N, C-alpha and C. Protein backbone atom coordinates (compact mmCIF):
# COMPACT_ATOMS: atom_id res chain seq x y z
N MET A 1 -8.65 9.33 -15.74
CA MET A 1 -9.11 9.19 -14.36
C MET A 1 -10.46 9.95 -14.65
N PRO A 2 -11.46 9.04 -13.51
CA PRO A 2 -13.30 10.27 -13.73
C PRO A 2 -12.93 11.37 -12.80
N SER A 3 -11.99 11.79 -11.76
CA SER A 3 -12.10 12.70 -11.37
C SER A 3 -10.22 12.94 -11.06
N GLU A 4 -10.11 14.45 -10.26
CA GLU A 4 -8.51 14.76 -9.96
C GLU A 4 -8.31 14.02 -8.66
N PHE A 5 -9.77 13.97 -7.73
CA PHE A 5 -9.14 13.65 -6.24
C PHE A 5 -8.84 11.90 -6.81
N GLU A 6 -9.12 10.70 -7.59
CA GLU A 6 -8.95 9.71 -7.86
C GLU A 6 -7.92 9.43 -8.07
N ALA A 7 -7.63 10.31 -9.35
CA ALA A 7 -6.05 10.56 -9.87
C ALA A 7 -5.16 10.95 -8.75
N LEU A 8 -4.94 11.93 -7.79
CA LEU A 8 -4.65 11.89 -6.53
C LEU A 8 -4.25 10.51 -5.33
N PHE A 9 -5.61 10.25 -5.20
CA PHE A 9 -5.66 9.32 -4.59
C PHE A 9 -4.62 7.79 -5.21
N TRP A 10 -5.09 7.51 -6.50
CA TRP A 10 -3.97 6.17 -6.65
C TRP A 10 -2.25 6.32 -7.04
N LEU A 11 -1.81 8.37 -7.15
CA LEU A 11 -0.73 8.28 -6.82
C LEU A 11 -0.31 8.62 -5.19
N VAL A 12 -1.06 9.03 -4.50
CA VAL A 12 -0.33 8.70 -3.40
C VAL A 12 -0.42 7.56 -2.58
N VAL A 13 -1.21 6.17 -3.22
CA VAL A 13 -0.84 4.88 -3.67
C VAL A 13 0.07 4.05 -3.82
N HIS A 14 0.65 4.79 -4.70
CA HIS A 14 1.58 4.15 -6.22
C HIS A 14 2.65 5.06 -4.90
N ILE A 15 3.04 5.98 -4.76
CA ILE A 15 4.07 6.37 -4.04
C ILE A 15 4.23 5.53 -2.42
N SER A 16 3.39 5.40 -2.12
CA SER A 16 3.43 4.96 -0.68
C SER A 16 3.96 2.87 -0.95
N VAL A 17 3.52 2.70 -2.08
CA VAL A 17 4.01 0.97 -2.39
C VAL A 17 5.80 1.30 -3.01
N THR A 18 6.35 2.25 -3.30
CA THR A 18 7.41 2.36 -3.76
C THR A 18 8.44 2.40 -2.34
N ALA A 19 8.03 3.24 -1.98
CA ALA A 19 8.91 3.34 -0.26
C ALA A 19 8.15 2.12 0.51
N ALA A 20 7.63 1.75 0.42
CA ALA A 20 7.64 0.15 0.89
C ALA A 20 8.73 -0.43 -0.14
N VAL A 21 8.51 -0.94 -1.16
CA VAL A 21 9.37 -1.60 -1.64
C VAL A 21 11.27 -0.97 -1.95
N PHE A 22 11.42 0.45 -1.61
CA PHE A 22 11.97 0.86 -1.57
C PHE A 22 13.04 -0.19 0.07
N ALA A 23 12.12 0.41 1.15
CA ALA A 23 12.60 -0.11 2.29
C ALA A 23 12.70 -1.62 2.32
N SER A 24 12.04 -2.30 1.44
CA SER A 24 12.26 -3.67 1.37
C SER A 24 13.62 -3.73 0.62
N VAL A 25 13.80 -3.44 -0.28
CA VAL A 25 15.50 -3.41 -0.87
C VAL A 25 16.30 -3.18 -0.16
N VAL A 26 16.55 -2.55 0.51
CA VAL A 26 17.13 -1.82 1.34
C VAL A 26 17.54 -3.00 2.56
N TRP A 27 16.46 -3.33 3.30
CA TRP A 27 16.52 -4.40 3.93
C TRP A 27 17.22 -5.71 3.39
N LEU A 28 17.03 -6.05 2.25
CA LEU A 28 17.46 -7.46 1.51
C LEU A 28 19.57 -7.10 1.35
N LEU A 29 19.67 -5.86 0.78
CA LEU A 29 20.75 -5.51 0.77
C LEU A 29 21.86 -5.20 1.97
N THR A 30 20.96 -4.86 3.44
CA THR A 30 21.82 -5.21 4.79
C THR A 30 21.84 -6.53 5.02
N VAL A 31 21.11 -7.42 4.40
CA VAL A 31 21.49 -9.00 4.76
C VAL A 31 22.24 -9.61 4.27
N ALA A 32 22.01 -9.05 2.44
CA ALA A 32 22.93 -9.84 1.82
C ALA A 32 24.26 -9.38 2.23
N MET A 33 24.79 -7.84 2.46
CA MET A 33 25.76 -7.48 2.36
C MET A 33 25.96 -8.65 3.79
N ARG A 34 25.43 -8.00 5.04
CA ARG A 34 25.90 -8.98 6.38
C ARG A 34 26.00 -10.72 6.31
N PHE A 35 25.50 -11.45 4.95
CA PHE A 35 26.00 -12.88 4.95
C PHE A 35 27.08 -13.03 3.89
N GLY A 36 26.99 -12.47 2.52
CA GLY A 36 27.96 -12.23 1.79
C GLY A 36 27.65 -12.85 0.73
N GLN A 37 25.95 -13.20 0.10
CA GLN A 37 25.36 -13.97 -0.89
C GLN A 37 24.31 -13.00 -0.99
N TYR A 38 24.52 -13.01 -2.52
CA TYR A 38 23.46 -12.30 -3.25
C TYR A 38 23.76 -10.57 -3.66
N ARG A 39 25.18 -9.86 -3.00
CA ARG A 39 24.94 -8.92 -2.99
C ARG A 39 24.81 -8.21 -4.58
N ALA A 40 25.51 -8.64 -5.50
CA ALA A 40 25.24 -8.17 -7.15
C ALA A 40 23.39 -7.92 -7.23
N GLY A 41 22.48 -9.23 -7.29
CA GLY A 41 21.22 -8.82 -7.18
C GLY A 41 20.34 -7.96 -6.63
N ALA A 42 21.24 -7.74 -5.37
CA ALA A 42 20.29 -6.58 -4.66
C ALA A 42 20.99 -5.73 -4.95
N PHE A 43 22.33 -5.51 -5.06
CA PHE A 43 22.49 -3.81 -5.97
C PHE A 43 21.73 -3.80 -6.89
N GLY A 44 21.46 -4.78 -7.78
CA GLY A 44 20.92 -4.28 -9.16
C GLY A 44 19.50 -3.73 -9.14
N LEU A 45 19.04 -4.68 -7.91
CA LEU A 45 17.46 -4.36 -7.04
C LEU A 45 17.36 -2.76 -6.77
N LEU A 46 18.57 -2.31 -6.05
CA LEU A 46 18.79 -0.81 -5.54
C LEU A 46 18.52 -0.02 -6.35
N TRP A 47 19.11 -0.53 -7.80
CA TRP A 47 19.84 0.88 -8.63
C TRP A 47 18.66 0.55 -9.45
N LEU A 48 17.65 -0.63 -9.81
CA LEU A 48 16.38 -0.11 -10.75
C LEU A 48 15.33 0.36 -9.65
N VAL A 49 15.58 0.32 -8.40
CA VAL A 49 14.18 0.95 -8.21
C VAL A 49 14.49 2.37 -7.54
N ILE A 50 15.98 3.19 -7.86
CA ILE A 50 16.01 4.70 -7.72
C ILE A 50 15.88 4.92 -9.40
N TYR A 51 16.74 4.05 -9.93
CA TYR A 51 16.11 4.08 -11.31
C TYR A 51 14.54 4.65 -11.75
N GLN A 52 13.54 3.94 -10.73
CA GLN A 52 12.20 3.79 -10.81
C GLN A 52 11.72 5.23 -10.72
N ILE A 53 12.32 5.33 -9.13
CA ILE A 53 11.72 6.70 -8.62
C ILE A 53 12.25 8.08 -9.64
N ILE A 54 13.28 7.78 -9.85
CA ILE A 54 13.79 9.12 -10.95
C ILE A 54 12.90 9.33 -12.15
N LEU A 55 12.66 8.12 -12.78
CA LEU A 55 11.97 7.99 -13.87
C LEU A 55 10.37 8.07 -13.73
N GLY A 56 9.89 7.93 -12.48
CA GLY A 56 8.47 8.34 -11.81
C GLY A 56 8.28 10.17 -11.42
N PHE A 57 9.44 10.31 -11.48
CA PHE A 57 9.22 11.81 -11.05
C PHE A 57 9.32 12.49 -12.86
N VAL A 58 10.41 12.06 -13.67
CA VAL A 58 9.98 12.48 -15.27
C VAL A 58 9.03 12.75 -15.36
N THR A 59 8.35 10.78 -15.37
CA THR A 59 6.63 10.91 -16.29
C THR A 59 5.78 11.60 -15.63
N LEU A 60 5.81 11.70 -14.31
CA LEU A 60 5.29 12.97 -13.72
C LEU A 60 5.18 14.47 -14.58
N GLN A 61 6.60 14.56 -14.29
CA GLN A 61 6.73 16.00 -14.80
C GLN A 61 6.32 16.41 -16.48
N THR A 62 6.59 15.43 -17.44
CA THR A 62 6.51 15.52 -18.36
C THR A 62 4.76 14.81 -18.93
N LYS A 63 4.19 14.87 -18.17
CA LYS A 63 2.32 14.38 -17.92
C LYS A 63 2.52 13.59 -18.74
N LEU A 64 3.41 12.24 -17.92
CA LEU A 64 2.71 11.05 -18.92
C LEU A 64 3.35 10.76 -20.34
N SER A 65 4.68 11.16 -20.97
CA SER A 65 4.87 11.32 -21.96
C SER A 65 5.32 9.82 -22.15
N VAL A 66 5.09 9.17 -24.15
CA VAL A 66 4.95 8.03 -24.35
C VAL A 66 6.77 7.77 -23.95
N ILE A 67 7.20 8.29 -24.05
CA ILE A 67 9.10 7.61 -23.66
C ILE A 67 9.19 7.29 -22.32
N SER A 68 8.61 8.76 -21.09
CA SER A 68 9.11 8.46 -19.96
C SER A 68 8.65 7.14 -19.62
N ASP A 69 6.76 7.52 -20.08
CA ASP A 69 5.96 6.01 -19.35
C ASP A 69 6.63 4.49 -19.93
N THR A 70 7.45 4.43 -20.92
CA THR A 70 7.53 3.17 -21.19
C THR A 70 8.75 2.94 -21.25
N LEU A 71 9.32 3.70 -20.42
CA LEU A 71 11.26 3.31 -19.52
C LEU A 71 10.69 2.91 -18.54
N HIS A 72 9.67 3.59 -17.51
CA HIS A 72 8.90 3.48 -16.43
C HIS A 72 8.33 1.96 -16.38
N PHE A 73 7.97 1.26 -16.93
CA PHE A 73 7.45 0.10 -17.28
C PHE A 73 8.25 -1.07 -17.93
N ALA A 74 9.28 -0.20 -18.61
CA ALA A 74 11.05 -1.13 -18.87
C ALA A 74 11.69 -1.39 -17.42
N GLY A 75 11.67 -0.53 -16.52
CA GLY A 75 12.15 -0.16 -15.66
C GLY A 75 12.12 -1.73 -14.24
N ALA A 76 10.37 -1.31 -14.57
CA ALA A 76 9.36 -2.71 -13.37
C ALA A 76 9.22 -3.98 -14.02
N ASN A 77 9.45 -3.75 -15.72
CA ASN A 77 9.90 -4.90 -15.35
C ASN A 77 11.15 -5.54 -15.38
N ALA A 78 12.15 -4.91 -15.84
CA ALA A 78 13.42 -5.67 -15.46
C ALA A 78 13.41 -5.51 -13.59
N MET A 79 12.80 -5.35 -12.67
CA MET A 79 13.16 -5.38 -11.68
C MET A 79 12.90 -6.60 -11.11
N VAL A 80 11.02 -6.72 -11.88
CA VAL A 80 10.45 -8.21 -11.69
C VAL A 80 11.26 -9.19 -12.10
N GLY A 81 12.09 -8.85 -12.84
CA GLY A 81 13.17 -9.75 -13.71
C GLY A 81 14.46 -10.34 -12.87
N VAL A 82 14.84 -9.37 -12.05
CA VAL A 82 16.16 -9.39 -11.44
C VAL A 82 15.64 -9.68 -10.16
N ALA A 83 14.22 -9.80 -9.38
CA ALA A 83 13.63 -10.22 -8.03
C ALA A 83 13.44 -11.73 -8.47
N GLY A 84 12.95 -12.11 -9.54
CA GLY A 84 12.80 -13.93 -9.82
C GLY A 84 14.23 -14.21 -9.95
N TYR A 85 15.08 -13.75 -10.54
CA TYR A 85 16.01 -14.47 -10.58
C TYR A 85 16.92 -14.17 -9.33
N LEU A 86 17.02 -13.41 -8.24
CA LEU A 86 17.35 -13.79 -6.90
C LEU A 86 16.32 -14.64 -6.55
N VAL A 87 14.90 -14.86 -6.25
CA VAL A 87 14.32 -15.74 -5.95
C VAL A 87 14.78 -17.28 -6.08
N ALA A 88 14.97 -17.06 -7.64
CA ALA A 88 15.34 -18.64 -7.81
C ALA A 88 16.74 -19.21 -7.74
N GLN A 89 17.86 -18.02 -7.50
CA GLN A 89 19.03 -18.50 -6.71
C GLN A 89 18.76 -18.86 -5.42
N VAL A 90 18.26 -18.30 -4.62
CA VAL A 90 17.75 -18.43 -3.29
C VAL A 90 17.04 -20.14 -2.95
N LEU A 91 16.36 -20.29 -3.83
CA LEU A 91 15.43 -21.61 -4.11
C LEU A 91 16.26 -22.38 -4.48
N LEU A 92 16.97 -22.66 -5.20
CA LEU A 92 18.16 -23.66 -5.89
C LEU A 92 19.76 -23.48 -4.87
N ASP A 93 19.64 -22.75 -4.10
CA ASP A 93 20.55 -22.69 -2.78
C ASP A 93 20.03 -23.59 -2.06
N LEU A 94 18.63 -23.66 -1.48
CA LEU A 94 18.09 -24.08 -0.52
C LEU A 94 18.33 -25.38 -0.37
N SER A 95 17.60 -26.03 -1.77
CA SER A 95 17.54 -27.26 -2.05
C SER A 95 18.57 -27.80 -2.43
N ALA A 96 19.31 -27.22 -2.90
CA ALA A 96 20.87 -28.26 -2.89
C ALA A 96 21.35 -28.26 -1.62
N VAL A 97 20.99 -27.54 -0.80
CA VAL A 97 21.74 -27.80 1.36
C VAL A 97 20.58 -28.72 1.41
N ARG A 98 19.55 -29.22 1.10
CA ARG A 98 18.97 -29.94 1.82
C ARG A 98 19.19 -30.92 1.12
N ILE A 99 19.28 -31.31 -0.22
CA ILE A 99 19.82 -32.37 -0.47
C ILE A 99 21.07 -33.18 -0.14
N GLU A 100 22.12 -31.95 0.01
CA GLU A 100 23.49 -32.29 0.64
C GLU A 100 23.36 -33.02 2.33
N ALA A 101 21.81 -32.00 2.64
CA ALA A 101 22.01 -32.62 3.98
C ALA A 101 21.36 -34.45 3.87
N ARG A 102 20.08 -34.57 3.34
CA ARG A 102 19.90 -35.77 2.90
C ARG A 102 20.66 -36.89 2.69
N GLU A 103 21.74 -36.49 1.83
CA GLU A 103 22.70 -37.51 1.50
C GLU A 103 24.14 -37.88 2.70
N LYS A 104 24.19 -36.59 3.87
CA LYS A 104 24.82 -36.72 5.01
C LYS A 104 24.34 -38.26 5.69
N THR A 105 22.76 -37.82 6.01
CA THR A 105 22.16 -38.34 6.45
C THR A 105 21.99 -39.87 6.26
N ARG A 106 22.03 -39.95 4.95
CA ARG A 106 21.70 -42.03 4.49
C ARG A 106 23.23 -42.41 4.72
N ARG A 107 24.53 -41.78 4.42
CA ARG A 107 25.48 -41.93 4.36
C ARG A 107 25.69 -42.45 5.98
N LYS A 108 25.86 -42.06 6.81
CA LYS A 108 25.56 -42.30 8.43
C LYS A 108 24.01 -43.46 8.82
N MET A 109 23.36 -43.55 8.25
CA MET A 109 22.74 -44.90 8.24
C MET A 109 22.90 -46.18 7.91
N VAL A 110 23.44 -47.31 9.24
CA VAL A 110 23.49 -48.17 8.94
C VAL A 110 22.38 -49.49 8.95
N PRO A 111 22.59 -50.02 7.50
CA PRO A 111 21.65 -51.18 7.34
C PRO A 111 21.33 -51.95 8.60
N ALA A 112 19.74 -52.28 8.86
CA ALA A 112 19.10 -52.90 9.75
C ALA A 112 20.05 -54.82 9.62
N HIS A 113 19.91 -55.16 8.75
CA HIS A 113 20.76 -56.59 8.59
C HIS A 113 21.90 -56.61 8.15
N SER A 114 23.08 -55.55 8.65
CA SER A 114 24.23 -56.21 8.13
C SER A 114 24.87 -56.91 9.10
């Protein structure tokens, strides 16, 4: 980093983004619990965010040691993977609902020349 001020600025940005991600995951878990779907993925994301927060503090305390930094990156990759899996599940479920609705509509339609 060019200066201590810039390093502190990026640390504050990083912590702010972490707070926003944590709030988003708590909201996702609340919605998942209310509707009874995607609970396992939402809990997985919550635990990964908590893991990331803890490991972030460890990384700062160890002055960016290679092991803690690598584990922090691995946790971020795991979060992206779990979030991607959840998005894929939701999109596949939505497309299945659309296909089912389209098939019901087609069954109700009466041909014009019958």
